[in-house]
Amino acid sequence: IFFLMLHELDVYVREARSTAVVRALLPLPAEIYGSGWDHVLPEADNARAVFRPAFHASQLDNFYAKCRWLVNTTPNFATGAHERVLRGFAAGCAVISDTNDYARDTLSGLPSFRGFTWNAADLTDCLADALADRALTRDATEAATTFVEREFDPRGFVRSVVDLAAVAEMSAVVTPFPPEGAS
């Protein structure tokens, strides 16, 4: 029951965040992709933002490569970046995202990243300023693309898995699994 409650809380907070950002985008010239926005549509009658249908995730990289920027909301974690952010950077797209500790410490120095606080009273103004920022160009994304290539290199991931396997193998010699006497 506890984990079910945590899951429901996680879903609620993520939906609250996303809804706040979508509402803040309504008066701005933006395209909002995906489903699940029926509860916001009554507010969108005079909106400048346009709702577009969802498309398959396999098309994201090509989509991001054609975008000037993408607006993101981050799941409930403090020590990482959502794959949308990294894939956007890798495709040469500027990213405007709500921030967490990782984004503030690591991404905020990248010229093609703009962070915001999802529950800020002036969220629409913050997003409007970021969307109008002429410094957020495809040319400004080179540092972010290099960052993704360096920090999220698949070879580094494979090396870390091999290192983890070696640690697991060593610990199995020292501490058999399951431990003796465990039922």
Protein backbone atom coordinates (compact mmCIF):
# COMPACT_ATOMS: atom_id res chain seq x y z
CA ILE A 1 0.00 0.00 0.00
CA PHE A 2 2.85 2.37 0.86
CA PHE A 3 4.44 2.03 -2.59
CA LEU A 4 1.07 2.45 -4.27
CA MET A 5 0.59 5.68 -2.32
CA LEU A 6 4.06 6.88 -3.32
CA HIS A 7 3.30 6.10 -6.95
CA GLU A 8 0.04 8.05 -6.81
CA LEU A 9 1.81 10.99 -5.16
CA ASP A 10 4.51 10.89 -7.85
CA VAL A 11 1.88 10.89 -10.62
CA TYR A 12 -0.01 13.74 -8.96
CA VAL A 13 3.08 15.94 -8.59
CA ARG A 14 4.22 15.25 -12.16
CA GLU A 15 0.76 16.10 -13.52
CA ALA A 16 0.59 19.27 -11.41
CA ARG A 17 3.98 20.36 -12.75
CA SER A 18 3.14 19.59 -16.37
CA THR A 19 -0.25 21.27 -16.12
CA ALA A 20 1.27 24.44 -14.62
CA VAL A 21 3.80 24.62 -17.47
CA VAL A 22 1.17 23.99 -20.16
CA ARG A 23 -1.09 26.67 -18.67
CA ALA A 24 1.85 29.08 -18.64
CA LEU A 25 2.53 28.29 -22.31
CA LEU A 26 -1.05 28.95 -23.46
CA PRO A 27 -0.57 32.69 -24.19
CA LEU A 28 2.77 32.04 -25.91
CA PRO A 29 3.55 30.95 -29.49
CA ALA A 30 4.25 27.32 -28.67
CA GLU A 31 3.26 23.87 -29.90
CA ILE A 32 2.31 21.41 -27.17
CA TYR A 33 2.64 17.76 -28.21
CA GLY A 34 1.05 14.77 -26.58
CA SER A 35 -2.18 13.61 -25.04
CA GLY A 36 -3.78 14.08 -21.67
CA TRP A 37 -4.52 17.79 -21.93
CA ASP A 38 -8.32 17.60 -22.04
CA HIS A 39 -8.55 19.26 -18.62
CA VAL A 40 -6.69 22.31 -19.99
CA LEU A 41 -8.54 22.66 -23.30
CA PRO A 42 -11.39 24.79 -21.87
CA GLU A 43 -8.75 27.41 -20.98
CA ALA A 44 -7.22 27.28 -24.47
CA ASP A 45 -9.97 29.00 -26.46
CA ASN A 46 -7.97 32.19 -27.10
CA ALA A 47 -4.55 30.64 -26.67
CA ARG A 48 -1.61 31.30 -28.96
CA ALA A 49 -0.25 27.87 -28.10
CA VAL A 50 -1.45 25.01 -30.29
CA PHE A 51 -2.02 21.42 -29.19
CA ARG A 52 -0.61 18.72 -31.46
CA PRO A 53 -1.14 14.96 -31.26
CA ALA A 54 1.37 12.63 -29.68
CA PHE A 55 3.75 10.73 -31.90
CA HIS A 56 5.96 7.69 -31.39
CA ALA A 57 9.06 8.14 -29.25
CA SER A 58 11.22 6.69 -32.06
CA GLN A 59 10.60 9.97 -33.93
CA LEU A 60 11.87 12.23 -31.13
CA ASP A 61 15.46 12.65 -32.29
CA ASN A 62 14.37 13.77 -35.77
CA PHE A 63 11.74 16.01 -34.22
CA TYR A 64 14.22 17.62 -31.79
CA ALA A 65 16.68 18.20 -34.63
CA LYS A 66 14.08 20.44 -36.29
CA CYS A 67 13.22 22.38 -33.12
CA ARG A 68 14.79 25.62 -31.99
CA TRP A 69 14.01 24.74 -28.37
CA LEU A 70 12.02 22.33 -26.26
CA VAL A 71 10.26 22.95 -22.97
CA ASN A 72 10.56 20.14 -20.43
CA THR A 73 9.26 19.21 -17.01
CA THR A 74 11.45 16.93 -14.97
CA PRO A 75 10.25 13.82 -13.14
CA ASN A 76 10.58 13.69 -9.37
CA PHE A 77 14.29 13.23 -8.94
CA ALA A 78 16.97 15.67 -7.87
CA THR A 79 20.18 14.14 -9.16
CA GLY A 80 19.81 13.72 -12.90
CA ALA A 81 18.36 14.96 -16.15
CA HIS A 82 15.41 13.54 -18.05
CA GLU A 83 16.30 11.85 -21.32
CA ARG A 84 14.28 14.52 -23.19
CA VAL A 85 16.78 17.14 -22.04
CA LEU A 86 19.80 15.07 -23.08
CA ARG A 87 18.27 13.98 -26.40
CA GLY A 88 17.33 17.59 -27.12
CA PHE A 89 20.92 18.71 -26.48
CA ALA A 90 22.28 15.83 -28.57
CA ALA A 91 20.02 16.88 -31.46
CA GLY A 92 21.24 20.48 -31.28
CA CYS A 93 18.13 21.86 -29.61
CA ALA A 94 18.06 24.48 -26.85
CA VAL A 95 16.30 23.31 -23.68
CA ILE A 96 14.06 25.24 -21.31
CA SER A 97 13.31 23.07 -18.27
CA ASP A 98 12.23 23.21 -14.69
CA THR A 99 15.26 22.72 -12.52
CA ASN A 100 16.43 20.31 -9.89
CA ASP A 101 19.75 20.15 -8.01
CA TYR A 102 21.49 18.50 -10.97
CA ALA A 103 20.24 21.09 -13.48
CA ARG A 104 21.22 23.99 -11.23
CA ASP A 105 24.69 22.53 -10.55
CA THR A 106 25.50 21.04 -13.96
CA LEU A 107 23.30 22.33 -16.78
CA SER A 108 22.84 25.98 -15.81
CA GLY A 109 26.28 26.86 -17.20
CA LEU A 110 25.41 25.63 -20.70
CA PRO A 111 24.54 28.49 -23.08
CA SER A 112 21.59 26.59 -24.56
CA PHE A 113 19.90 25.79 -21.24
CA ARG A 114 17.37 27.96 -19.43
CA GLY A 115 15.94 26.82 -16.13
CA PHE A 116 12.71 27.82 -14.44
CA THR A 117 10.77 27.05 -11.29
CA TRP A 118 7.54 25.29 -12.26
CA ASN A 119 5.43 26.93 -9.56
CA ALA A 120 6.75 30.48 -9.93
CA ALA A 121 4.06 33.16 -9.88
CA ASP A 122 5.59 34.68 -13.03
CA LEU A 123 6.05 31.39 -14.91
CA THR A 124 4.51 32.69 -18.15
CA ASP A 125 6.88 35.67 -18.10
CA CYS A 126 9.87 33.41 -17.39
CA LEU A 127 8.96 31.13 -20.28
CA ALA A 128 8.25 34.09 -22.58
CA ASP A 129 11.68 35.56 -21.80
CA ALA A 130 13.39 32.23 -22.47
CA LEU A 131 11.47 31.66 -25.72
CA ALA A 132 12.34 35.17 -26.92
CA ASP A 133 16.01 34.88 -25.94
CA ARG A 134 17.93 35.29 -29.20
CA ALA A 135 20.97 33.67 -27.58
CA LEU A 136 19.08 30.36 -27.60
CA THR A 137 20.10 29.47 -31.13
CA ARG A 138 21.27 26.25 -32.71
CA ASP A 139 24.81 27.70 -32.67
CA ALA A 140 24.62 28.01 -28.89
CA THR A 141 23.96 24.28 -28.51
CA GLU A 142 27.50 23.14 -29.38
CA ALA A 143 28.63 23.15 -25.73
CA ALA A 144 25.57 21.13 -24.69
CA THR A 145 26.08 18.63 -27.52
CA THR A 146 29.71 18.19 -26.45
CA PHE A 147 28.60 17.84 -22.81
CA VAL A 148 26.18 15.01 -23.71
CA GLU A 149 28.79 13.26 -25.85
CA ARG A 150 31.34 13.47 -23.03
CA GLU A 151 29.16 12.78 -19.98
CA PHE A 152 26.74 10.27 -21.46
CA ASP A 153 28.99 8.38 -23.85
CA PRO A 154 27.60 4.83 -24.31
CA ARG A 155 31.12 3.42 -24.00
CA GLY A 156 31.38 4.97 -20.52
CA PHE A 157 28.10 3.33 -19.59
CA VAL A 158 29.35 -0.06 -20.80
CA ARG A 159 32.61 0.44 -18.86
CA SER A 160 30.63 1.22 -15.69
CA VAL A 161 28.51 -1.94 -16.17
CA VAL A 162 31.69 -4.01 -16.58
CA ASP A 163 33.17 -2.36 -13.47
CA LEU A 164 29.96 -3.07 -11.56
CA ALA A 165 30.06 -6.71 -12.67
CA ALA A 166 33.66 -6.97 -11.45
CA VAL A 167 32.65 -5.55 -8.05
CA ALA A 168 29.73 -7.99 -7.89
CA GLU A 169 32.06 -10.87 -8.77
CA MET A 170 34.54 -9.83 -6.05
CA SER A 171 31.82 -9.42 -3.45
CA ALA A 172 30.40 -12.86 -4.33
CA VAL A 173 33.78 -14.34 -3.43
CA VAL A 174 33.79 -12.50 -0.11
CA THR A 175 30.05 -12.75 0.64
CA PRO A 176 28.23 -15.60 -1.07
CA PHE A 177 24.74 -14.83 -2.31
CA PRO A 178 22.37 -15.73 -0.95
CA PRO A 179 24.15 -15.60 2.40
CA GLU A 180 24.49 -18.95 4.08
CA GLY A 181 21.59 -19.71 6.38
CA ALA A 182 19.25 -17.29 4.60
CA SER A 183 15.87 -18.69 3.82
